Every structure is written in structure tokens, then in C-alpha cells.
C-alpha atoms as a PDB file:
ATOM      1  CA  UNK A   1     -10.064 -56.205  56.835  1.00  0.00           C
ATOM      2  CA  UNK A   2     -11.256 -52.822  57.692  1.00  0.00           C
ATOM      3  CA  UNK A   3     -14.860 -53.684  57.569  1.00  0.00           C
ATOM      4  CA  UNK A   4     -14.167 -56.747  59.809  1.00  0.00           C
ATOM      5  CA  UNK A   5     -11.974 -54.881  62.247  1.00  0.00           C
ATOM      6  CA  UNK A   6     -14.550 -52.369  62.709  1.00  0.00           C
ATOM      7  CA  UNK A   7     -17.234 -55.006  63.175  1.00  0.00           C
ATOM      8  CA  UNK A   8     -15.764 -55.839  66.366  1.00  0.00           C
ATOM      9  CA  UNK A   9     -15.379 -52.613  67.648  1.00  0.00           C
ATOM     10  CA  UNK A  10     -18.934 -51.619  66.836  1.00  0.00           C
ATOM     11  CA  UNK A  11     -20.657 -54.970  68.264  1.00  0.00           C
ATOM     12  CA  UNK A  12     -18.559 -54.752  71.355  1.00  0.00           C
ATOM     13  CA  UNK A  13     -19.728 -51.091  71.855  1.00  0.00           C
ATOM     14  CA  UNK A  14     -23.535 -51.382  70.850  1.00  0.00           C
ATOM     15  CA  UNK A  15     -23.884 -54.608  73.005  1.00  0.00           C
ATOM     16  CA  UNK A  16     -22.658 -52.007  76.063  1.00  0.00           C
ATOM     17  CA  UNK A  17     -25.003 -49.795  74.974  1.00  0.00           C
ATOM     18  CA  UNK A  18     -28.152 -52.408  75.284  1.00  0.00           C
ATOM     19  CA  UNK A  19     -26.627 -53.866  78.141  1.00  0.00           C
ATOM     20  CA  UNK A  20     -26.581 -50.710  80.072  1.00  0.00           C
ATOM     21  CA  UNK A  21     -30.317 -49.525  79.260  1.00  0.00           C
ATOM     22  CA  UNK A  22     -31.478 -52.978  80.431  1.00  0.00           C
ATOM     23  CA  UNK A  23     -29.552 -53.056  83.160  1.00  0.00           C
ATOM     24  CA  UNK A  24     -27.227 -55.994  82.885  1.00  0.00           C
ATOM     25  CA  UNK A  25     -24.530 -56.760  84.914  1.00  0.00           C
ATOM     26  CA  UNK A  26     -21.269 -57.945  83.762  1.00  0.00           C
ATOM     27  CA  UNK A  27     -20.335 -60.934  85.395  1.00  0.00           C
ATOM     28  CA  UNK A  28     -16.537 -60.675  85.371  1.00  0.00           C
ATOM     29  CA  UNK A  29     -14.014 -60.530  88.449  1.00  0.00           C
ATOM     30  CA  UNK A  30     -13.087 -57.041  87.720  1.00  0.00           C
ATOM     31  CA  UNK A  31     -15.498 -53.969  87.465  1.00  0.00           C
ATOM     32  CA  UNK A  32     -15.735 -52.131  84.198  1.00  0.00           C
ATOM     33  CA  UNK A  33     -17.517 -49.318  82.788  1.00  0.00           C
ATOM     34  CA  UNK A  34     -18.638 -51.332  79.844  1.00  0.00           C
ATOM     35  CA  UNK A  35     -20.357 -55.024  79.650  1.00  0.00           C
ATOM     36  CA  UNK A  36     -17.349 -56.670  78.522  1.00  0.00           C
ATOM     37  CA  UNK A  37     -17.582 -59.491  75.429  1.00  0.00           C
ATOM     38  CA  UNK A  38     -15.087 -61.594  74.690  1.00  0.00           C
ATOM     39  CA  UNK A  39     -13.831 -62.711  71.379  1.00  0.00           C
ATOM     40  CA  UNK A  40     -11.331 -64.754  68.988  1.00  0.00           C
ATOM     41  CA  UNK A  41      -9.575 -61.391  68.272  1.00  0.00           C
ATOM     42  CA  UNK A  42      -8.836 -58.998  71.552  1.00  0.00           C
ATOM     43  CA  UNK A  43      -6.025 -56.813  72.292  1.00  0.00           C
ATOM     44  CA  UNK A  44      -3.101 -59.026  72.376  1.00  0.00           C
ATOM     45  CA  UNK A  45      -4.038 -60.847  68.850  1.00  0.00           C
ATOM     46  CA  UNK A  46      -4.782 -57.380  67.335  1.00  0.00           C
ATOM     47  CA  UNK A  47      -1.550 -56.509  68.314  1.00  0.00           C
ATOM     48  CA  UNK A  48       0.215 -59.899  67.229  1.00  0.00           C
ATOM     49  CA  UNK A  49      -1.324 -59.174  63.809  1.00  0.00           C
ATOM     50  CA  UNK A  50      -0.095 -55.617  63.178  1.00  0.00           C
ATOM     51  CA  UNK A  51       3.632 -56.733  64.236  1.00  0.00           C
ATOM     52  CA  UNK A  52       3.219 -59.782  61.762  1.00  0.00           C
ATOM     53  CA  UNK A  53       2.106 -57.509  58.866  1.00  0.00           C
ATOM     54  CA  UNK A  54       5.355 -55.332  59.570  1.00  0.00           C
ATOM     55  CA  UNK A  55       7.629 -58.011  59.687  1.00  0.00           C
ATOM     56  CA  UNK A  56       6.171 -59.861  56.950  1.00  0.00           C
ATOM     57  CA  UNK A  57       5.062 -57.569  54.819  1.00  0.00           C
ATOM     58  CA  UNK A  58       5.439 -59.735  51.703  1.00  0.00           C
ATOM     59  CA  UNK A  59       2.832 -61.708  53.492  1.00  0.00           C
ATOM     60  CA  UNK A  60       0.144 -58.948  54.046  1.00  0.00           C
ATOM     61  CA  UNK A  61      -2.267 -60.070  51.989  1.00  0.00           C
ATOM     62  CA  UNK A  62      -2.420 -63.718  53.659  1.00  0.00           C
ATOM     63  CA  UNK A  63      -2.258 -62.251  57.339  1.00  0.00           C
ATOM     64  CA  UNK A  64      -4.802 -59.705  56.575  1.00  0.00           C
ATOM     65  CA  UNK A  65      -7.255 -62.134  55.079  1.00  0.00           C
ATOM     66  CA  UNK A  66      -6.410 -64.744  58.228  1.00  0.00           C
ATOM     67  CA  UNK A  67      -7.448 -61.278  60.628  1.00  0.00           C
ATOM     68  CA  UNK A  68     -10.318 -60.315  58.923  1.00  0.00           C
ATOM     69  CA  UNK A  69     -11.573 -63.856  59.116  1.00  0.00           C
ATOM     70  CA  UNK A  70     -10.978 -64.050  63.109  1.00  0.00           C
ATOM     71  CA  UNK A  71     -12.440 -60.529  63.435  1.00  0.00           C
ATOM     72  CA  UNK A  72     -15.897 -61.972  61.417  1.00  0.00           C
ATOM     73  CA  UNK A  73     -15.797 -64.906  63.586  1.00  0.00           C
ATOM     74  CA  UNK A  74     -15.621 -62.242  66.594  1.00  0.00           C
ATOM     75  CA  UNK A  75     -18.293 -60.300  65.352  1.00  0.00           C
ATOM     76  CA  UNK A  76     -20.798 -63.203  64.246  1.00  0.00           C
ATOM     77  CA  UNK A  77     -20.031 -64.554  67.771  1.00  0.00           C
ATOM     78  CA  UNK A  78     -20.990 -61.067  69.618  1.00  0.00           C
ATOM     79  CA  UNK A  79     -24.096 -60.653  67.514  1.00  0.00           C
ATOM     80  CA  UNK A  80     -25.510 -64.342  68.313  1.00  0.00           C
ATOM     81  CA  UNK A  81     -24.316 -63.726  72.200  1.00  0.00           C
ATOM     82  CA  UNK A  82     -26.465 -60.386  72.206  1.00  0.00           C
ATOM     83  CA  UNK A  83     -29.115 -61.698  70.599  1.00  0.00           C
ATOM     84  CA  UNK A  84     -29.441 -64.649  72.807  1.00  0.00           C
ATOM     85  CA  UNK A  85     -28.829 -62.437  75.968  1.00  0.00           C
ATOM     86  CA  UNK A  86     -30.800 -59.633  74.961  1.00  0.00           C
ATOM     87  CA  UNK A  87     -34.033 -61.972  73.954  1.00  0.00           C
ATOM     88  CA  UNK A  88     -34.133 -64.038  77.196  1.00  0.00           C
ATOM     89  CA  UNK A  89     -34.335 -60.713  79.328  1.00  0.00           C
END
């Protein structure tokens, strides 16, 4: 779970660095310091997962596996988006 969770943050920050170097602009409604990438596991989903870990400790293995899979999907989608965006630039 830790590997996949760190992957979401790493891909977010890595793309922000490349976007800044290439002068890409964030097209979201609110101005941000970093180029924002969406994903399946964002702040709310992470908080919900950690609350569920606390409320149902006997189900931790199952919950952690599901959360890890969601993080891997987010990581893979961000890598795909980054490759597509940076290649067309």
C-alpha cells in the first residue's frame, strides 16, 4: 500500500516539475502554484480510507488492498496523461 500511495504523490510532483519547465498552464478554474492532476484517489478518498482503517481494523488487509489498487490506477493514469501531454508539446 505504501508503494502505491507514494506513487500518487510522486507522479503528481514529477509532472508539476515537467509542466513548469515546459511552460504548461493549469486549465482549472482556480489558480494554483502546481499543475494539478486529478485522479481516483485524492484527498477525500484518502481520508475516507484512513477512517475506514481505524473503524474496521479487522478488515485492514482488504481495505488496504482496495486502496492500494485505487492508488495504482491513479498513478498509471497520471503517467499516461503525462506522457500524452508532454509528447504532444
